[in-house]
Each structure stands twice: as C-alpha cells, then as structure tokens.
Protein backbone atom coordinates (compact mmCIF):
# COMPACT_ATOMS: atom_id res chain seq x y z
CA MET A 1 110.30 33.69 -19.31
CA SER A 2 110.18 36.46 -21.86
CA THR A 3 109.28 35.82 -25.48
CA GLY A 4 111.92 38.26 -26.65
CA THR A 5 109.52 41.12 -27.27
CA THR A 6 109.91 42.59 -23.81
CA LYS A 7 112.40 45.43 -23.66
CA ALA A 8 114.10 46.71 -20.52
CA PRO A 9 112.54 50.00 -19.40
CA ASN A 10 114.31 53.34 -19.42
CA LEU A 11 114.75 53.96 -15.72
CA PRO A 12 114.39 57.57 -14.57
CA ILE A 13 117.42 59.35 -13.15
CA ALA A 14 117.12 59.79 -9.41
CA PRO A 15 117.06 63.24 -7.82
CA VAL A 16 119.88 64.19 -5.46
CA GLU A 17 117.60 64.07 -2.42
CA TYR A 18 114.88 61.56 -1.55
CA ASN A 19 111.61 62.25 -3.35
CA GLN A 20 108.55 60.08 -2.70
CA GLN A 21 107.00 60.83 -6.10
CA PHE A 22 110.18 59.64 -7.85
CA GLN A 23 110.27 56.44 -5.77
CA ASP A 24 106.61 55.74 -6.61
CA GLN A 25 107.22 56.27 -10.33
CA PHE A 26 110.36 54.13 -10.21
CA SER A 27 108.45 51.31 -8.51
CA ASN A 28 105.66 51.54 -11.09
CA VAL A 29 108.13 51.28 -13.99
CA LEU A 30 109.72 48.18 -12.47
CA ARG A 31 106.34 46.65 -11.59
CA LEU A 32 105.15 46.99 -15.21
CA TYR A 33 108.38 45.52 -16.52
CA PHE A 34 108.26 42.52 -14.19
CA ASN A 35 104.59 41.95 -15.05
CA GLN A 36 105.55 41.76 -18.73
CA ILE A 37 108.28 39.23 -17.97
CA ASP A 38 106.03 37.16 -15.70
CA ASN A 39 103.18 37.12 -18.26
CA PRO A 40 104.73 36.50 -21.68
CA GLY A 41 101.48 35.50 -23.36
CA PRO A 42 100.22 32.29 -24.92
CA SER A 43 103.54 31.08 -26.30
CA VAL A 44 105.49 28.47 -24.35
CA MET A 45 109.02 27.39 -25.19
CA SER A 46 110.84 24.37 -23.82
CA SER A 47 113.74 22.05 -24.50
CA GLN A 48 114.23 18.52 -23.30
CA ARG A 49 116.53 15.57 -23.93
CA ASN A 50 115.53 12.20 -25.25
CA GLY A 51 118.69 10.21 -24.61
CA THR A 52 121.34 12.09 -26.57
CA LYS A 53 118.87 13.97 -28.80
CA ILE A 54 117.66 17.44 -27.89
CA ILE A 55 113.98 17.96 -28.57
CA SER A 56 112.76 21.55 -28.68
CA ALA A 57 109.17 22.66 -28.80
CA LEU A 58 107.11 25.79 -29.21
CA ASN A 59 103.51 25.76 -28.07
CA PHE A 60 101.33 28.59 -29.38
CA SER A 61 98.10 27.62 -27.71
CA GLU A 62 95.87 29.26 -25.16
CA ALA A 63 92.89 28.12 -23.15
CA ASN A 64 89.46 29.16 -24.45
CA ALA A 65 86.35 29.80 -22.32
CA THR A 66 85.87 26.06 -21.68
CA ASN A 67 89.57 25.64 -20.77
CA VAL A 68 90.33 23.74 -24.00
CA ARG A 69 93.72 24.59 -25.51
CA VAL A 70 93.47 26.07 -29.00
CA VAL A 71 96.18 27.14 -31.45
CA SER A 72 96.66 30.89 -31.58
CA LEU A 73 98.94 31.17 -34.61
CA PRO A 74 98.02 33.44 -37.51
CA THR A 75 96.44 31.79 -40.55
CA GLN A 76 96.80 32.30 -44.29
CA ALA A 77 94.12 35.00 -43.93
CA ASP A 78 96.71 37.02 -41.96
CA TYR A 79 99.47 36.45 -44.54
CA ALA A 80 99.55 40.05 -45.79
CA ASN A 81 99.97 41.36 -42.23
CA ILE A 82 102.68 39.03 -40.89
CA THR A 83 106.42 39.58 -41.26
CA VAL A 84 108.84 37.43 -43.25
CA GLY A 85 109.94 34.49 -41.08
CA SER A 86 106.61 34.28 -39.25
CA VAL A 87 105.00 30.86 -38.79
CA TYR A 88 101.34 30.55 -39.76
CA VAL A 89 98.72 27.81 -40.16
CA ASP A 90 97.39 27.20 -43.66
CA THR A 91 93.83 26.21 -42.73
CA ALA A 92 92.94 25.88 -46.43
CA ASN A 93 95.60 23.18 -46.80
CA ALA A 94 94.96 20.62 -44.01
CA ASN A 95 96.27 22.96 -41.26
CA VAL A 96 99.85 22.74 -42.48
CA LEU A 97 102.36 24.94 -40.67
CA LYS A 98 104.15 27.28 -43.04
CA VAL A 99 106.75 30.03 -42.81
CA LYS A 100 106.38 33.28 -44.73
CA ILE A 101 109.39 33.82 -46.99
C-alpha cells in the first residue's frame, strides 16, 4: 500500500520497431515504481470495525536493531522543518501528539 507520496512514473514512448534497450529501460522504470509501492516505509495504516464503530489507526513505528518497535514521528525539535498539518511528538511535554497549525 502506498503512503500517498509515490507518484506514477512517466513511461517512455515506445519506438516503432522492437528495441531491446527501450524494453530494458521500460522494465527498470516499472520495477522501481513497484518497489516504491511494495515498500512504503515505516508508516502503517489500517481500518477495522468494532461492532458498528469504525476504528482507524496510523502506526508510525519501525523496528530498531534489536527488533523493538520505536516511534519514528518528528519531534518538537523538528518543528521548524515540518509542514503545516504534520503530526509530531512533543517529547518535552509528556510525549503528547500534536499537529502543526
């Protein structure tokens, strides 16, 4: 599943006659694109139902060297570099999740 940052590639226009170099380049473009889709990064999105309620979740964690899951959100130290609407962890305030406005 893509995180929404993956963009479809500009596919090259095929020559009139078969050309092995073109086919190789075309395959490489598609391979890179599919690798981006298959490997979206540390974010995981899911939705599930609890009776009639829909529960949605975002998980921004990744495994560290000892295979322990750790949060990989920006912190208040990154505030100046994140865009409006970004979620960050305020580690100076009991690890509260905040949204830059």
